[in-house]
Structure formats: structure tokens, C-alpha cells
Amino acid sequence: MTIHLYLSMIPEALIASMLAPEEFGVYYAVGSQKKARGQAIFFEIDPDFRHDYFRIEEGIRRCMPHEDGSPKRSIYISVYRVLEHMSLDAIHKLYLVTQDGRVLGMESSEEFPEDTVGLHLYQEIAPVHPLIVSTLGPLEFYKLIVKNPVSLLSLPAICFVELRLGELAEDPEYGAVRDLPYSNIEHLRQCLVDLRTKTVHTKMVNRTQPASFPYRTIKSGIFMGNKERLLYFPMPSREELRAKNYYWLRSANM
């Protein structure tokens, strides 16, 4: 059986598996009776990827079929400082999995979203996962956190998503919330207002925010970068999702 390598973001981990991406997504989100259901985000990794930090060969040797011939679902190779030791050249597709096991594969793109005027909301997914508001677009936010930090707080690598703010991006004080599902919306409003009156470019909304988030709130896509470069995985439009991934979209909107 073919052995696959996966880079999980919730939680951060490098995993070997005999399951193909779609099968792995269902297993990882829905699991077995011993595991609660939950959202899953992972990247498929080049099976030839190797790094001295990871004991990949040993993990592959342990990834053997069960006695009844069924495939080995997962062997955890590493759960610590995984993202910073990952080569971006080894990253293949990104998979977003709903809590009931609907899997959406996403390709990377060389075209980054245009930086729009207004305020931004970012959910850092790994290696830490605070909720952040910023005056910076995604590229500049990545540079501030990883490439050219101006504060003592920096990361060697990051995976993050930009979330929708709707009318709050232009009018944080009086803009309509509409379908935004964020908790403590008044605190979010105040953080956005503060950005307009202070000289800082970012402000933390919640330092203990869960890494998971409603997929329907994704504004542009998922970003993953280290000190070398940034990868971008654009979110398909709702029209494309409705035509090609209807059941994933329906599950994501629940």
C-alpha cells in the first residue's frame, strides 16, 4: 500500500498514513469511537520529503497494515515545531474537512489577493492561534510576523486565514454584523476602532482563540509561509463550490 505524508494544522503534526487524502480527511475529522469529531485542516506532503529533524523513515517503517489487512490510518511522526521545519517545496494540496467528514481539496496559486482598503481579521492556525485584527493586508501581515518583525514577537513560520469582516472593515463602530458568527462582537468592534486611533498595525482580539473556525467566514483563502516565501491557497467562490462541492458547502454552512 502507498504511504502518504500529511501535515496537520489542527493540531500541528506530521503524520504517515496508508489512507488517500479523501479517506484520511474522513478518518481524521470523524475518527473512530475513541475520538470526538472535529474540523480538520491538513496538507499533503511530497512522500520523498526528508528532514533531519523528523524521523520519517522510522515512521514509514511503522506504517504497516493491520493483521486483518486493513490499512494503517495514522502514525504520528512529530507533534512539536513541525511547521518551522517543513520545506514549502514539499507542500502539495491543502484539504479542509468539515466536522462530519466532507473533504475539500485546494490548490495553491501564484496570484495573491489584492490588498483592499480597510481593516482585516486574521485567525492564526499554527503554530499559535490567536485572533488578530490588523490594518495590514495578508502579504504585509505575513512580513510583519515572519519576514521583517518590528517587535519581539515573531514566528519562524505561520499558517493563517483571513476572515470576513463585512461592513465592520469600513465602519467598525456602526457597521451591521449581519451573518458574522463571531463571539463577543462588541469587543471585536472596539479592537477595530482602536486600530484607527493608534499607531500600531495589529491588535490581539483573543489570545486563546481555538484554531478551528467556520469555513463560511473565509474571506480569501489560507496562507502558509516561512522566512523564505509565502504560499496561498485561494478559497473557491460560492458559485464554484455550489456546482462542484455542494455537500461540502452545505456542511460548512451548518
Protein backbone atom coordinates (compact mmCIF):
# COMPACT_ATOMS: atom_id res chain seq x y z
CA MET A 1 0.00 0.00 0.00
CA THR A 2 1.10 3.55 -0.74
CA ILE A 3 2.22 5.56 2.29
CA HIS A 4 1.26 9.23 2.37
CA LEU A 5 2.66 12.08 4.44
CA TYR A 6 0.32 14.69 5.85
CA LEU A 7 0.98 17.96 7.67
CA SER A 8 -1.92 18.57 10.03
CA MET A 9 -2.66 22.07 11.28
CA ILE A 10 -5.31 21.18 13.91
CA PRO A 11 -3.30 20.06 15.80
CA GLU A 12 0.11 20.74 14.26
CA ALA A 13 1.60 17.34 13.41
CA LEU A 14 3.43 15.33 10.73
CA ILE A 15 1.60 12.07 10.07
CA ALA A 16 2.20 8.99 7.92
CA SER A 17 -0.87 7.14 6.66
CA MET A 18 -1.92 4.46 4.21
CA LEU A 19 -5.12 6.37 3.51
CA ALA A 20 -5.52 8.56 0.43
CA PRO A 21 -6.26 12.25 1.17
CA GLU A 22 -10.05 12.00 0.97
CA GLU A 23 -10.10 8.85 3.13
CA PHE A 24 -7.65 10.38 5.59
CA GLY A 25 -9.79 13.51 5.83
CA VAL A 26 -12.87 11.49 6.77
CA TYR A 27 -10.90 9.45 9.33
CA TYR A 28 -9.16 12.48 10.80
CA ALA A 29 -12.34 14.52 11.23
CA VAL A 30 -14.85 11.82 12.14
CA GLY A 31 -12.41 9.26 13.57
CA SER A 32 -13.46 6.16 15.47
CA GLN A 33 -15.38 5.63 18.68
CA LYS A 34 -12.39 6.71 20.73
CA LYS A 35 -12.10 10.12 19.05
CA ALA A 36 -14.52 13.02 19.09
CA ARG A 37 -15.49 14.64 15.80
CA GLY A 38 -13.87 17.88 14.79
CA GLN A 39 -12.77 20.10 11.97
CA ALA A 40 -9.54 19.08 10.21
CA ILE A 41 -7.07 21.08 8.12
CA PHE A 42 -4.07 19.35 6.57
CA PHE A 43 -1.62 19.50 3.68
CA GLU A 44 -0.50 16.58 1.55
CA ILE A 45 3.31 16.38 1.65
CA ASP A 46 5.69 15.08 -1.02
CA PRO A 47 6.35 11.44 0.05
CA ASP A 48 10.04 11.93 -0.75
CA PHE A 49 10.37 14.82 1.73
CA ARG A 50 13.01 14.26 4.39
CA HIS A 51 14.48 16.48 7.12
CA ASP A 52 16.95 15.61 9.85
CA TYR A 53 14.51 16.98 12.44
CA PHE A 54 11.91 14.30 11.63
CA ARG A 55 12.24 10.52 12.00
CA ILE A 56 10.32 10.00 8.79
CA GLU A 57 11.93 6.69 7.76
CA GLU A 58 11.10 5.17 11.13
CA GLY A 59 7.53 6.43 10.86
CA ILE A 60 7.16 4.89 7.42
CA ARG A 61 8.52 1.55 8.65
CA ARG A 62 5.90 1.54 11.40
CA CYS A 63 3.12 2.36 8.98
CA MET A 64 2.20 -1.26 8.31
CA PRO A 65 -1.20 -2.85 7.55
CA HIS A 66 -3.13 -4.36 10.45
CA GLU A 67 -3.25 -8.12 10.87
CA ASP A 68 -6.58 -8.26 9.01
CA GLY A 69 -5.03 -6.45 6.04
CA SER A 70 -6.74 -3.12 6.66
CA PRO A 71 -4.58 -0.01 6.13
CA LYS A 72 -2.79 1.76 8.96
CA ARG A 73 -4.66 5.03 9.35
CA SER A 74 -2.05 7.14 11.12
CA ILE A 75 1.45 7.13 12.57
CA TYR A 76 2.40 10.38 14.27
CA ILE A 77 5.98 11.27 13.32
CA SER A 78 6.15 14.63 15.11
CA VAL A 79 3.83 16.96 17.06
CA TYR A 80 6.27 19.71 18.00
CA ARG A 81 7.80 22.53 15.93
CA VAL A 82 6.63 20.82 12.77
CA LEU A 83 5.71 23.80 10.61
CA GLU A 84 9.03 25.58 11.02
CA HIS A 85 10.96 22.52 9.79
CA MET A 86 8.76 21.91 6.77
CA SER A 87 10.00 22.78 3.27
CA LEU A 88 7.38 24.70 1.34
CA ASP A 89 8.59 22.94 -1.81
CA ALA A 90 7.20 19.71 -0.32
CA ILE A 91 3.69 21.11 0.15
CA HIS A 92 1.08 19.77 -2.27
CA LYS A 93 -2.67 20.31 -1.87
CA LEU A 94 -4.48 21.73 1.13
CA TYR A 95 -7.57 19.93 2.46
CA LEU A 96 -10.34 21.50 4.52
CA VAL A 97 -12.53 18.91 6.24
CA THR A 98 -15.84 19.62 7.93
CA GLN A 99 -16.67 18.01 11.27
CA ASP A 100 -18.83 15.42 9.52
CA GLY A 101 -16.05 14.40 7.13
CA ARG A 102 -16.73 16.36 3.93
CA VAL A 103 -13.37 16.98 2.23
CA LEU A 104 -12.42 19.94 0.00
CA GLY A 105 -9.04 19.94 -1.78
CA MET A 106 -7.46 23.29 -2.67
CA GLU A 107 -4.52 24.05 -4.97
CA SER A 108 -2.01 26.83 -4.34
CA SER A 109 -1.95 29.90 -6.53
CA GLU A 110 0.79 32.28 -7.66
CA GLU A 111 -1.72 35.14 -7.66
CA PHE A 112 -2.28 36.66 -4.24
CA PRO A 113 -5.43 38.59 -3.34
CA GLU A 114 -5.33 42.33 -3.91
CA ASP A 115 -4.77 44.38 -0.78
CA THR A 116 -8.06 46.13 -0.12
CA VAL A 117 -8.56 49.31 1.85
CA GLY A 118 -10.00 48.76 5.30
CA LEU A 119 -9.41 46.63 8.35
CA HIS A 120 -8.60 42.92 8.40
CA LEU A 121 -9.29 39.96 10.68
CA TYR A 122 -6.81 37.08 10.87
CA GLN A 123 -7.04 33.71 12.58
CA GLU A 124 -3.59 32.27 13.12
CA ILE A 125 -3.92 28.49 12.82
CA ALA A 126 -0.40 27.25 13.64
CA PRO A 127 1.96 27.18 15.44
CA VAL A 128 -0.04 29.53 17.70
CA HIS A 129 -3.64 30.55 17.13
CA PRO A 130 -4.66 33.97 18.45
CA LEU A 131 -7.34 36.05 16.72
CA ILE A 132 -5.84 39.29 15.37
CA VAL A 133 -7.15 42.47 13.77
CA SER A 134 -4.85 44.48 11.56
CA THR A 135 -4.57 47.42 9.19
CA LEU A 136 -2.28 45.26 7.01
CA GLY A 137 -3.27 43.08 4.08
CA PRO A 138 -2.26 39.38 4.11
CA LEU A 139 1.16 39.84 2.48
CA GLU A 140 2.17 42.66 4.79
CA PHE A 141 0.79 40.81 7.81
CA TYR A 142 2.94 37.78 6.93
CA LYS A 143 6.01 40.00 6.54
CA LEU A 144 5.37 41.63 9.92
CA ILE A 145 5.03 38.28 11.72
CA VAL A 146 7.72 36.26 9.92
CA LYS A 147 9.91 38.12 7.42
CA ASN A 148 10.57 41.52 8.97
CA PRO A 149 9.26 41.65 12.55
CA VAL A 150 9.43 45.02 14.26
CA SER A 151 8.58 43.71 17.73
CA LEU A 152 9.90 40.97 20.00
CA LEU A 153 7.04 38.73 18.87
CA SER A 154 7.85 36.78 15.71
CA LEU A 155 7.42 33.29 14.29
CA PRO A 156 9.74 31.17 12.09
CA ALA A 157 6.71 30.02 10.08
CA ILE A 158 2.97 30.56 10.12
CA CYS A 159 -0.33 29.26 8.77
CA PHE A 160 -3.21 31.73 8.92
CA VAL A 161 -6.52 32.61 7.32
CA GLU A 162 -8.17 35.96 6.64
CA LEU A 163 -11.76 36.03 7.86
CA ARG A 164 -14.65 38.18 6.68
CA LEU A 165 -15.45 41.39 8.50
CA GLY A 166 -18.22 42.61 6.20
CA GLU A 167 -19.27 46.17 6.98
CA LEU A 168 -17.02 46.23 10.06
CA ALA A 169 -13.97 46.51 7.80
CA GLU A 170 -15.06 50.02 6.80
CA ASP A 171 -17.26 51.03 9.72
CA PRO A 172 -16.27 49.06 12.83
CA GLU A 173 -18.35 51.18 15.18
CA TYR A 174 -21.70 51.16 13.39
CA GLY A 175 -21.39 48.61 10.56
CA ALA A 176 -24.03 45.87 10.51
CA VAL A 177 -22.96 42.47 11.85
CA ARG A 178 -25.39 40.54 9.61
CA ASP A 179 -24.31 36.87 9.41
CA LEU A 180 -20.90 37.22 11.10
CA PRO A 181 -20.77 34.46 13.74
CA TYR A 182 -18.01 35.87 15.95
CA SER A 183 -18.47 35.84 19.70
CA ASN A 184 -18.11 38.98 21.81
CA ILE A 185 -18.80 41.22 18.81
CA GLU A 186 -18.62 44.42 20.87
CA HIS A 187 -15.05 43.59 21.90
CA LEU A 188 -14.18 42.96 18.25
CA ARG A 189 -15.68 46.33 17.32
CA GLN A 190 -13.62 48.08 19.99
CA CYS A 191 -10.39 46.41 18.83
CA LEU A 192 -11.08 47.57 15.27
CA VAL A 193 -11.84 51.10 16.44
CA ASP A 194 -8.63 51.14 18.48
CA LEU A 195 -6.58 50.37 15.35
CA ARG A 196 -7.84 53.58 13.79
CA THR A 197 -6.76 55.70 16.74
CA LYS A 198 -3.37 54.13 17.50
CA THR A 199 -0.10 53.81 15.59
CA VAL A 200 0.11 50.01 15.86
CA HIS A 201 -0.69 47.79 12.84
CA THR A 202 -2.12 44.83 14.75
CA LYS A 203 -4.15 44.21 17.87
CA MET A 204 -4.95 40.91 19.57
CA VAL A 205 -8.66 40.15 19.91
CA ASN A 206 -8.31 36.80 21.67
CA ARG A 207 -5.04 35.14 22.66
CA THR A 208 -6.74 31.81 23.49
CA GLN A 209 -8.87 31.52 20.37
CA PRO A 210 -9.46 27.92 19.18
CA ALA A 211 -7.55 27.10 15.99
CA SER A 212 -10.77 25.98 14.25
CA PHE A 213 -13.12 28.49 12.62
CA PRO A 214 -16.30 28.46 10.50
CA TYR A 215 -15.24 27.84 6.90
CA ARG A 216 -18.01 30.12 5.65
CA THR A 217 -16.17 33.08 7.19
CA ILE A 218 -13.07 32.67 4.97
CA LYS A 219 -12.57 35.88 3.02
CA SER A 220 -9.86 34.92 0.52
CA GLY A 221 -8.04 31.70 1.46
CA ILE A 222 -5.39 30.03 3.58
CA PHE A 223 -1.81 31.33 3.80
CA MET A 224 1.28 29.39 4.82
CA GLY A 225 4.78 30.85 4.91
CA ASN A 226 8.24 30.80 6.42
CA LYS A 227 11.20 33.14 6.14
CA GLU A 228 11.76 32.07 2.53
CA ARG A 229 8.33 32.65 0.98
CA LEU A 230 4.55 32.54 1.30
CA LEU A 231 2.07 30.07 -0.20
CA TYR A 232 -1.55 30.99 -0.90
CA PHE A 233 -4.47 28.59 -1.28
CA PRO A 234 -7.46 30.56 -2.58
CA MET A 235 -10.95 29.63 -1.47
CA PRO A 236 -13.24 28.71 -4.39
CA SER A 237 -16.20 31.01 -4.94
CA ARG A 238 -19.58 30.02 -3.53
CA GLU A 239 -20.81 29.51 -7.09
CA GLU A 240 -17.99 27.05 -7.83
CA LEU A 241 -18.50 25.27 -4.52
CA ARG A 242 -22.23 25.02 -5.14
CA ALA A 243 -21.61 23.50 -8.58
CA LYS A 244 -18.73 21.14 -7.71
CA ASN A 245 -18.72 20.63 -3.94
CA TYR A 246 -22.33 21.15 -2.89
CA TYR A 247 -22.33 18.76 0.06
CA TRP A 248 -19.09 20.24 1.43
CA LEU A 249 -20.58 23.73 1.16
CA ARG A 250 -23.79 22.67 2.87
CA SER A 251 -21.83 21.06 5.69
CA ALA A 252 -19.54 24.10 6.03
CA ASN A 253 -22.56 26.39 6.38
CA MET A 254 -24.10 24.41 9.22
